[in-house]
N, C-alpha and C. Protein backbone atom coordinates (compact mmCIF):
# COMPACT_ATOMS: atom_id res chain seq x y z
N MET A 1 0.81 -1.19 0.00
CA MET A 1 0.00 0.00 0.00
C MET A 1 0.86 1.26 0.00
N SER A 2 2.13 1.13 0.26
CA SER A 2 3.01 2.30 0.27
C SER A 2 3.03 2.95 -1.11
N PRO A 3 3.02 4.28 -1.17
CA PRO A 3 3.04 4.94 -2.47
C PRO A 3 4.40 4.87 -3.17
N VAL A 4 5.46 4.68 -2.37
CA VAL A 4 6.80 4.59 -2.95
C VAL A 4 7.62 3.58 -2.14
N TYR A 5 8.47 2.85 -2.85
CA TYR A 5 9.38 1.91 -2.20
C TYR A 5 10.80 2.44 -2.35
N TYR A 6 11.56 2.36 -1.27
CA TYR A 6 12.97 2.76 -1.28
C TYR A 6 13.79 1.48 -1.39
N ILE A 7 14.68 1.44 -2.36
CA ILE A 7 15.48 0.25 -2.60
C ILE A 7 16.93 0.58 -2.27
N TYR A 8 17.50 -0.22 -1.37
CA TYR A 8 18.87 -0.03 -0.92
C TYR A 8 19.71 -1.24 -1.32
N ASP A 9 21.01 -1.02 -1.49
CA ASP A 9 21.88 -2.17 -1.71
C ASP A 9 22.23 -2.79 -0.36
N GLU A 10 23.01 -3.85 -0.38
CA GLU A 10 23.31 -4.58 0.86
C GLU A 10 24.16 -3.78 1.84
N ASN A 11 24.71 -2.65 1.37
CA ASN A 11 25.50 -1.77 2.25
C ASN A 11 24.69 -0.60 2.79
N GLY A 12 23.41 -0.55 2.45
CA GLY A 12 22.56 0.52 2.95
C GLY A 12 22.56 1.78 2.09
N ILE A 13 23.06 1.69 0.87
CA ILE A 13 23.08 2.83 -0.05
C ILE A 13 21.78 2.84 -0.85
N LEU A 14 21.09 3.97 -0.83
CA LEU A 14 19.85 4.10 -1.60
C LEU A 14 20.18 4.03 -3.08
N ILE A 15 19.55 3.09 -3.80
CA ILE A 15 19.81 2.96 -5.23
C ILE A 15 18.60 3.29 -6.09
N ASP A 16 17.40 3.32 -5.49
CA ASP A 16 16.21 3.64 -6.30
C ASP A 16 15.06 4.00 -5.39
N ARG A 17 14.18 4.82 -5.90
CA ARG A 17 12.87 5.09 -5.30
C ARG A 17 11.86 4.72 -6.36
N ARG A 18 11.08 3.71 -6.07
CA ARG A 18 10.15 3.18 -7.07
C ARG A 18 8.72 3.46 -6.67
N MET A 19 7.99 4.15 -7.53
CA MET A 19 6.59 4.43 -7.28
C MET A 19 5.79 3.13 -7.34
N ASN A 20 4.81 3.01 -6.47
CA ASN A 20 3.97 1.82 -6.40
C ASN A 20 2.67 2.09 -7.18
N PRO A 21 2.51 1.50 -8.35
CA PRO A 21 1.30 1.73 -9.13
C PRO A 21 0.05 1.10 -8.51
N TYR A 22 0.24 0.25 -7.50
CA TYR A 22 -0.88 -0.45 -6.87
C TYR A 22 -1.41 0.25 -5.62
N SER A 23 -0.73 1.31 -5.16
CA SER A 23 -1.16 1.94 -3.91
C SER A 23 -2.36 2.84 -4.14
N ALA A 24 -3.07 3.10 -3.07
CA ALA A 24 -4.19 4.04 -3.12
C ALA A 24 -3.61 5.45 -3.16
N ARG A 25 -4.13 6.25 -4.01
CA ARG A 25 -3.74 7.66 -4.05
C ARG A 25 -4.56 8.41 -3.02
N GLU A 26 -4.13 9.59 -2.67
CA GLU A 26 -4.81 10.36 -1.64
C GLU A 26 -6.31 10.46 -1.95
N GLY A 27 -7.12 10.09 -0.95
CA GLY A 27 -8.57 10.16 -1.09
C GLY A 27 -9.20 8.96 -1.77
N GLN A 28 -8.37 7.97 -2.16
CA GLN A 28 -8.90 6.77 -2.82
C GLN A 28 -8.80 5.56 -1.90
N GLU A 29 -9.62 4.58 -2.15
CA GLU A 29 -9.55 3.31 -1.44
C GLU A 29 -8.43 2.46 -2.04
N PRO A 30 -7.78 1.60 -1.23
CA PRO A 30 -6.76 0.69 -1.78
C PRO A 30 -7.40 -0.26 -2.78
N ARG A 31 -6.60 -0.67 -3.76
CA ARG A 31 -7.08 -1.65 -4.73
C ARG A 31 -7.38 -2.96 -4.02
N LYS A 32 -8.31 -3.70 -4.56
CA LYS A 32 -8.69 -4.98 -3.93
C LYS A 32 -7.55 -5.99 -3.95
N ASP A 33 -6.62 -5.85 -4.88
CA ASP A 33 -5.52 -6.81 -4.98
C ASP A 33 -4.26 -6.35 -4.26
N HIS A 34 -4.36 -5.30 -3.41
CA HIS A 34 -3.16 -4.77 -2.77
C HIS A 34 -2.48 -5.78 -1.85
N GLY A 35 -3.18 -6.81 -1.40
CA GLY A 35 -2.60 -7.81 -0.52
C GLY A 35 -1.96 -8.98 -1.25
N ASN A 36 -1.84 -8.88 -2.55
CA ASN A 36 -1.27 -9.95 -3.36
C ASN A 36 0.26 -9.84 -3.34
N PRO A 37 0.98 -10.77 -2.70
CA PRO A 37 2.44 -10.65 -2.62
C PRO A 37 3.13 -10.74 -3.98
N GLN A 38 2.47 -11.32 -4.97
CA GLN A 38 3.08 -11.38 -6.31
C GLN A 38 3.29 -9.97 -6.88
N LEU A 39 2.44 -9.02 -6.47
CA LEU A 39 2.62 -7.64 -6.94
C LEU A 39 3.94 -7.07 -6.43
N ILE A 40 4.32 -7.42 -5.20
CA ILE A 40 5.60 -6.97 -4.65
C ILE A 40 6.74 -7.55 -5.48
N ILE A 41 6.66 -8.83 -5.77
CA ILE A 41 7.70 -9.49 -6.55
C ILE A 41 7.80 -8.90 -7.94
N ASP A 42 6.66 -8.65 -8.56
CA ASP A 42 6.67 -8.07 -9.91
C ASP A 42 7.28 -6.67 -9.92
N LEU A 43 7.00 -5.89 -8.90
CA LEU A 43 7.49 -4.51 -8.82
C LEU A 43 8.93 -4.43 -8.34
N LEU A 44 9.34 -5.37 -7.46
CA LEU A 44 10.66 -5.32 -6.84
C LEU A 44 11.40 -6.65 -7.00
N PRO A 45 11.59 -7.12 -8.23
CA PRO A 45 12.15 -8.47 -8.42
C PRO A 45 13.56 -8.65 -7.89
N GLU A 46 14.33 -7.57 -7.76
CA GLU A 46 15.71 -7.69 -7.31
C GLU A 46 15.83 -7.74 -5.79
N CYS A 47 14.75 -7.51 -5.07
CA CYS A 47 14.80 -7.42 -3.61
C CYS A 47 14.61 -8.79 -2.95
N LYS A 48 15.49 -9.08 -2.00
CA LYS A 48 15.40 -10.34 -1.26
C LYS A 48 14.99 -10.13 0.19
N VAL A 49 14.95 -8.87 0.63
CA VAL A 49 14.47 -8.50 1.97
C VAL A 49 13.47 -7.38 1.76
N PHE A 50 12.31 -7.51 2.42
CA PHE A 50 11.26 -6.50 2.30
C PHE A 50 10.92 -6.02 3.70
N ILE A 51 11.18 -4.74 3.99
CA ILE A 51 10.93 -4.17 5.31
C ILE A 51 9.66 -3.34 5.22
N ALA A 52 8.72 -3.63 6.11
CA ALA A 52 7.42 -2.95 6.06
C ALA A 52 6.91 -2.66 7.46
N ARG A 53 6.00 -1.72 7.56
CA ARG A 53 5.35 -1.44 8.85
C ARG A 53 4.24 -2.44 9.12
N ARG A 54 3.57 -2.87 8.08
CA ARG A 54 2.48 -3.84 8.24
C ARG A 54 2.49 -4.78 7.03
N MET A 55 2.07 -6.01 7.29
CA MET A 55 1.91 -6.98 6.22
C MET A 55 1.08 -8.13 6.77
N GLY A 56 0.15 -8.60 5.99
CA GLY A 56 -0.69 -9.71 6.40
C GLY A 56 0.11 -11.00 6.53
N ASP A 57 -0.36 -11.87 7.41
CA ASP A 57 0.33 -13.15 7.64
C ASP A 57 0.41 -14.00 6.38
N VAL A 58 -0.64 -14.01 5.59
CA VAL A 58 -0.65 -14.80 4.36
C VAL A 58 0.42 -14.29 3.40
N SER A 59 0.52 -12.97 3.26
CA SER A 59 1.54 -12.39 2.38
C SER A 59 2.94 -12.69 2.90
N LYS A 60 3.15 -12.56 4.22
CA LYS A 60 4.48 -12.86 4.79
C LYS A 60 4.88 -14.30 4.49
N ARG A 61 3.96 -15.21 4.73
CA ARG A 61 4.24 -16.63 4.50
C ARG A 61 4.54 -16.90 3.03
N ALA A 62 3.75 -16.31 2.13
CA ALA A 62 3.96 -16.52 0.69
C ALA A 62 5.31 -15.96 0.25
N LEU A 63 5.67 -14.79 0.74
CA LEU A 63 6.97 -14.22 0.37
C LEU A 63 8.11 -15.13 0.82
N MET A 64 8.02 -15.65 2.04
CA MET A 64 9.09 -16.50 2.58
C MET A 64 9.15 -17.86 1.89
N THR A 65 8.02 -18.53 1.81
CA THR A 65 8.05 -19.92 1.36
C THR A 65 8.01 -20.08 -0.14
N ASN A 66 7.33 -19.20 -0.84
CA ASN A 66 7.15 -19.39 -2.28
C ASN A 66 8.03 -18.48 -3.13
N MET A 67 8.52 -17.38 -2.55
CA MET A 67 9.17 -16.37 -3.38
C MET A 67 10.59 -16.04 -2.94
N GLY A 68 11.08 -16.65 -1.87
CA GLY A 68 12.45 -16.44 -1.44
C GLY A 68 12.76 -15.05 -0.92
N VAL A 69 11.76 -14.34 -0.41
CA VAL A 69 11.94 -13.00 0.11
C VAL A 69 11.74 -13.04 1.62
N THR A 70 12.61 -12.36 2.36
CA THR A 70 12.50 -12.29 3.81
C THR A 70 11.73 -11.03 4.19
N PRO A 71 10.52 -11.17 4.74
CA PRO A 71 9.79 -9.99 5.20
C PRO A 71 10.20 -9.62 6.63
N ILE A 72 10.43 -8.35 6.86
CA ILE A 72 10.79 -7.82 8.17
C ILE A 72 9.73 -6.78 8.53
N ILE A 73 9.11 -6.94 9.69
CA ILE A 73 8.12 -5.95 10.15
C ILE A 73 8.83 -5.04 11.14
N THR A 74 8.67 -3.74 10.94
CA THR A 74 9.34 -2.75 11.78
C THR A 74 8.33 -1.78 12.37
N GLN A 75 8.72 -1.18 13.47
CA GLN A 75 7.91 -0.11 14.07
C GLN A 75 8.48 1.26 13.72
N GLU A 76 9.58 1.28 12.99
CA GLU A 76 10.22 2.54 12.62
C GLU A 76 9.29 3.36 11.73
N GLU A 77 9.40 4.66 11.83
CA GLU A 77 8.49 5.58 11.13
C GLU A 77 8.90 5.89 9.70
N ASP A 78 10.19 5.76 9.38
CA ASP A 78 10.63 6.15 8.04
C ASP A 78 11.63 5.12 7.51
N PRO A 79 11.83 5.10 6.19
CA PRO A 79 12.70 4.08 5.59
C PRO A 79 14.13 4.10 6.11
N ASP A 80 14.71 5.28 6.30
CA ASP A 80 16.09 5.34 6.77
C ASP A 80 16.25 4.74 8.17
N SER A 81 15.31 5.06 9.06
CA SER A 81 15.35 4.48 10.41
C SER A 81 15.15 2.97 10.37
N ALA A 82 14.24 2.51 9.54
CA ALA A 82 14.00 1.07 9.41
C ALA A 82 15.25 0.37 8.89
N LEU A 83 15.89 0.98 7.92
CA LEU A 83 17.12 0.39 7.38
C LEU A 83 18.22 0.33 8.43
N ARG A 84 18.41 1.42 9.18
CA ARG A 84 19.44 1.43 10.23
C ARG A 84 19.16 0.35 11.27
N ALA A 85 17.89 0.19 11.66
CA ALA A 85 17.54 -0.84 12.63
C ALA A 85 17.83 -2.23 12.07
N PHE A 86 17.48 -2.44 10.82
CA PHE A 86 17.73 -3.75 10.18
C PHE A 86 19.23 -4.03 10.09
N LEU A 87 20.00 -3.05 9.62
CA LEU A 87 21.44 -3.26 9.49
C LEU A 87 22.10 -3.45 10.85
N GLY A 88 21.63 -2.74 11.88
CA GLY A 88 22.16 -2.92 13.23
C GLY A 88 21.86 -4.31 13.75
N ALA A 89 20.66 -4.81 13.52
CA ALA A 89 20.28 -6.16 13.98
C ALA A 89 21.08 -7.20 13.20
N LYS A 90 21.32 -6.95 11.93
CA LYS A 90 22.08 -7.88 11.10
C LYS A 90 23.53 -7.95 11.58
N ASP A 91 24.10 -6.80 11.97
CA ASP A 91 25.47 -6.77 12.49
C ASP A 91 25.59 -7.51 13.80
N ASP A 92 24.52 -7.49 14.62
CA ASP A 92 24.53 -8.17 15.92
C ASP A 92 24.42 -9.68 15.79
N ALA A 93 23.93 -10.16 14.65
CA ALA A 93 23.70 -11.61 14.46
C ALA A 93 24.98 -12.35 14.19
């Protein structure tokens, strides 16, 4: 549902900002297919980790088991903070 996706490389460098053609525009209802994880794969085929504020359990499971993408749910408010939290947790592992 996000209007734009921020794509970073594995070092945390922003490489692209991709508009989401499936998101609801201001004042509009979300599309009925917004919960389809295949739309994420089609829009972001190079991404193997997807960090989001919210995601349905069915979509999370489908991304992990069928599509080889690791979904990460964050409470961070913005993409840069979410990325820093993810990279910090990855360094601790």
